[in-house]
Amino acid sequence: MSFKARAQVKEIAMELAIDQDLRCIYCDPELIRGLVANLLNNALKFTPRKGQIQILAENANQGIRID
C-alpha cells in the first residue's frame, strides 16, 4: 500500500514543504529514498488517527536538511 493510501486510511494529513531554492547534493539516491521511506513508515505507524505529518526539506550549512 502506498504512503498516501496508508495516510488516507488513518485520516492523516500529510504536508510537503520543499525550499524553492533547495540545492543539489551528491549522494546515493537509493540510500536517500530508503531513509525517507523509513521516516515516512515510522511517521505513519506512530501518528494517531486524524493526525498530521509534515515533511520539510531545506538548505542547511553545506548540504540539505530533511525533517
N, C-alpha and C. Protein backbone atom coordinates (compact mmCIF):
# COMPACT_ATOMS: atom_id res chain seq x y z
N MET A 1 0.85 -1.18 0.00
CA MET A 1 0.00 0.00 0.00
C MET A 1 0.90 1.24 0.00
N SER A 2 0.52 2.26 -0.76
CA SER A 2 1.32 3.47 -0.86
C SER A 2 1.25 4.29 0.43
N PHE A 3 2.19 5.22 0.58
CA PHE A 3 2.18 6.10 1.75
C PHE A 3 0.89 6.91 1.79
N LYS A 4 0.49 7.41 0.63
CA LYS A 4 -0.73 8.23 0.54
C LYS A 4 -1.96 7.41 0.95
N ALA A 5 -2.04 6.18 0.47
CA ALA A 5 -3.18 5.32 0.81
C ALA A 5 -3.20 5.01 2.30
N ARG A 6 -2.04 4.74 2.86
CA ARG A 6 -1.97 4.45 4.31
C ARG A 6 -2.40 5.66 5.13
N ALA A 7 -1.99 6.86 4.67
CA ALA A 7 -2.38 8.08 5.37
C ALA A 7 -3.90 8.29 5.28
N GLN A 8 -4.47 8.01 4.11
CA GLN A 8 -5.92 8.17 3.94
C GLN A 8 -6.71 7.22 4.84
N VAL A 9 -6.24 6.00 4.98
CA VAL A 9 -6.92 5.02 5.84
C VAL A 9 -7.00 5.53 7.27
N LYS A 10 -5.91 6.15 7.76
CA LYS A 10 -5.88 6.66 9.13
C LYS A 10 -6.33 8.12 9.22
N GLU A 11 -6.76 8.69 8.08
CA GLU A 11 -7.18 10.09 8.02
C GLU A 11 -6.09 11.04 8.50
N ILE A 12 -4.87 10.75 8.07
CA ILE A 12 -3.72 11.57 8.44
C ILE A 12 -3.45 12.58 7.33
N ALA A 13 -3.33 13.84 7.71
CA ALA A 13 -3.00 14.89 6.74
C ALA A 13 -1.48 14.89 6.55
N MET A 14 -1.05 14.91 5.30
CA MET A 14 0.39 14.95 5.00
C MET A 14 0.70 16.26 4.29
N GLU A 15 1.73 16.96 4.76
CA GLU A 15 2.14 18.23 4.18
C GLU A 15 3.60 18.12 3.74
N LEU A 16 3.88 18.55 2.53
CA LEU A 16 5.23 18.54 1.99
C LEU A 16 5.66 19.97 1.75
N ALA A 17 6.78 20.38 2.35
CA ALA A 17 7.31 21.74 2.16
C ALA A 17 8.78 21.63 1.76
N ILE A 18 9.06 21.97 0.52
CA ILE A 18 10.43 21.91 0.00
C ILE A 18 10.87 23.32 -0.34
N ASP A 19 12.04 23.70 0.17
CA ASP A 19 12.62 25.02 -0.11
C ASP A 19 12.68 25.24 -1.62
N GLN A 20 12.18 26.37 -2.08
CA GLN A 20 12.19 26.69 -3.52
C GLN A 20 13.60 26.67 -4.10
N ASP A 21 14.58 27.03 -3.30
CA ASP A 21 15.98 27.10 -3.76
C ASP A 21 16.82 25.94 -3.21
N LEU A 22 16.20 24.78 -3.04
CA LEU A 22 16.91 23.63 -2.48
C LEU A 22 18.08 23.27 -3.38
N ARG A 23 19.26 23.21 -2.78
CA ARG A 23 20.47 22.92 -3.57
C ARG A 23 20.55 21.46 -3.95
N CYS A 24 21.30 21.21 -4.98
CA CYS A 24 21.56 19.85 -5.44
C CYS A 24 22.73 19.30 -4.62
N ILE A 25 22.61 18.07 -4.15
CA ILE A 25 23.71 17.44 -3.42
C ILE A 25 24.11 16.14 -4.12
N TYR A 26 25.34 15.75 -3.92
CA TYR A 26 25.84 14.49 -4.46
C TYR A 26 25.70 13.44 -3.39
N CYS A 27 24.89 12.42 -3.67
CA CYS A 27 24.62 11.37 -2.69
C CYS A 27 24.15 10.12 -3.42
N ASP A 28 23.97 9.08 -2.67
CA ASP A 28 23.41 7.83 -3.19
C ASP A 28 21.88 7.97 -3.17
N PRO A 29 21.24 8.13 -4.34
CA PRO A 29 19.79 8.35 -4.35
C PRO A 29 18.99 7.21 -3.72
N GLU A 30 19.45 5.98 -3.87
CA GLU A 30 18.74 4.85 -3.27
C GLU A 30 18.80 4.90 -1.75
N LEU A 31 19.94 5.34 -1.22
CA LEU A 31 20.08 5.47 0.22
C LEU A 31 19.14 6.54 0.76
N ILE A 32 19.04 7.67 0.05
CA ILE A 32 18.15 8.75 0.47
C ILE A 32 16.69 8.30 0.36
N ARG A 33 16.32 7.60 -0.72
CA ARG A 33 14.95 7.08 -0.84
C ARG A 33 14.62 6.16 0.32
N GLY A 34 15.56 5.28 0.67
CA GLY A 34 15.35 4.37 1.79
C GLY A 34 15.20 5.11 3.10
N LEU A 35 16.00 6.14 3.29
CA LEU A 35 15.94 6.95 4.51
C LEU A 35 14.59 7.63 4.63
N VAL A 36 14.14 8.27 3.55
CA VAL A 36 12.85 8.97 3.57
C VAL A 36 11.71 7.97 3.74
N ALA A 37 11.79 6.83 3.07
CA ALA A 37 10.76 5.80 3.22
C ALA A 37 10.68 5.32 4.66
N ASN A 38 11.83 5.13 5.30
CA ASN A 38 11.85 4.70 6.70
C ASN A 38 11.22 5.76 7.61
N LEU A 39 11.55 7.03 7.36
CA LEU A 39 10.95 8.11 8.16
C LEU A 39 9.43 8.15 7.98
N LEU A 40 8.97 8.00 6.73
CA LEU A 40 7.53 8.02 6.48
C LEU A 40 6.83 6.80 7.09
N ASN A 41 7.46 5.64 6.98
CA ASN A 41 6.87 4.44 7.60
C ASN A 41 6.69 4.63 9.10
N ASN A 42 7.72 5.16 9.75
CA ASN A 42 7.64 5.39 11.20
C ASN A 42 6.59 6.45 11.53
N ALA A 43 6.56 7.52 10.73
CA ALA A 43 5.57 8.58 10.96
C ALA A 43 4.15 8.02 10.83
N LEU A 44 3.91 7.24 9.80
CA LEU A 44 2.57 6.66 9.62
C LEU A 44 2.23 5.66 10.72
N LYS A 45 3.22 4.94 11.16
CA LYS A 45 2.99 3.93 12.21
C LYS A 45 2.64 4.58 13.55
N PHE A 46 3.33 5.67 13.89
CA PHE A 46 3.19 6.26 15.23
C PHE A 46 2.30 7.50 15.29
N THR A 47 1.85 8.02 14.16
CA THR A 47 0.94 9.16 14.18
C THR A 47 -0.48 8.66 14.43
N PRO A 48 -1.16 9.27 15.40
CA PRO A 48 -2.52 8.81 15.70
C PRO A 48 -3.50 9.15 14.57
N ARG A 49 -4.60 8.44 14.57
CA ARG A 49 -5.67 8.68 13.60
C ARG A 49 -6.04 10.17 13.60
N LYS A 50 -6.24 10.72 12.42
CA LYS A 50 -6.58 12.13 12.21
C LYS A 50 -5.44 13.06 12.61
N GLY A 51 -4.22 12.54 12.66
CA GLY A 51 -3.06 13.35 12.98
C GLY A 51 -2.51 14.05 11.74
N GLN A 52 -1.30 14.58 11.86
CA GLN A 52 -0.68 15.30 10.76
C GLN A 52 0.81 14.94 10.68
N ILE A 53 1.30 14.80 9.46
CA ILE A 53 2.71 14.55 9.20
C ILE A 53 3.23 15.68 8.31
N GLN A 54 4.33 16.30 8.70
CA GLN A 54 4.96 17.35 7.90
C GLN A 54 6.32 16.85 7.44
N ILE A 55 6.60 17.03 6.17
CA ILE A 55 7.88 16.67 5.59
C ILE A 55 8.52 17.95 5.08
N LEU A 56 9.67 18.31 5.63
CA LEU A 56 10.33 19.55 5.27
C LEU A 56 11.71 19.26 4.69
N ALA A 57 12.08 19.99 3.64
CA ALA A 57 13.43 19.89 3.08
C ALA A 57 13.93 21.31 2.86
N GLU A 58 15.10 21.61 3.42
CA GLU A 58 15.65 22.96 3.31
C GLU A 58 17.17 22.93 3.26
N ASN A 59 17.74 24.01 2.77
CA ASN A 59 19.19 24.14 2.75
C ASN A 59 19.69 24.30 4.18
N ALA A 60 20.82 23.67 4.47
CA ALA A 60 21.41 23.77 5.81
C ALA A 60 22.92 23.62 5.68
N ASN A 61 23.66 24.57 6.21
CA ASN A 61 25.12 24.56 6.12
C ASN A 61 25.54 24.31 4.68
N GLN A 62 26.27 23.23 4.43
CA GLN A 62 26.73 22.94 3.07
C GLN A 62 25.97 21.78 2.44
N GLY A 63 24.82 21.45 3.00
CA GLY A 63 24.01 20.35 2.49
C GLY A 63 22.54 20.71 2.56
N ILE A 64 21.73 19.71 2.78
CA ILE A 64 20.30 19.95 2.97
C ILE A 64 19.86 19.25 4.25
N ARG A 65 18.70 19.66 4.73
CA ARG A 65 18.14 19.08 5.94
C ARG A 65 16.75 18.58 5.61
N ILE A 66 16.45 17.36 6.01
CA ILE A 66 15.12 16.78 5.82
C ILE A 66 14.55 16.48 7.19
N ASP A 67 13.40 17.06 7.47
CA ASP A 67 12.70 16.83 8.75
C ASP A 67 11.36 16.21 8.47
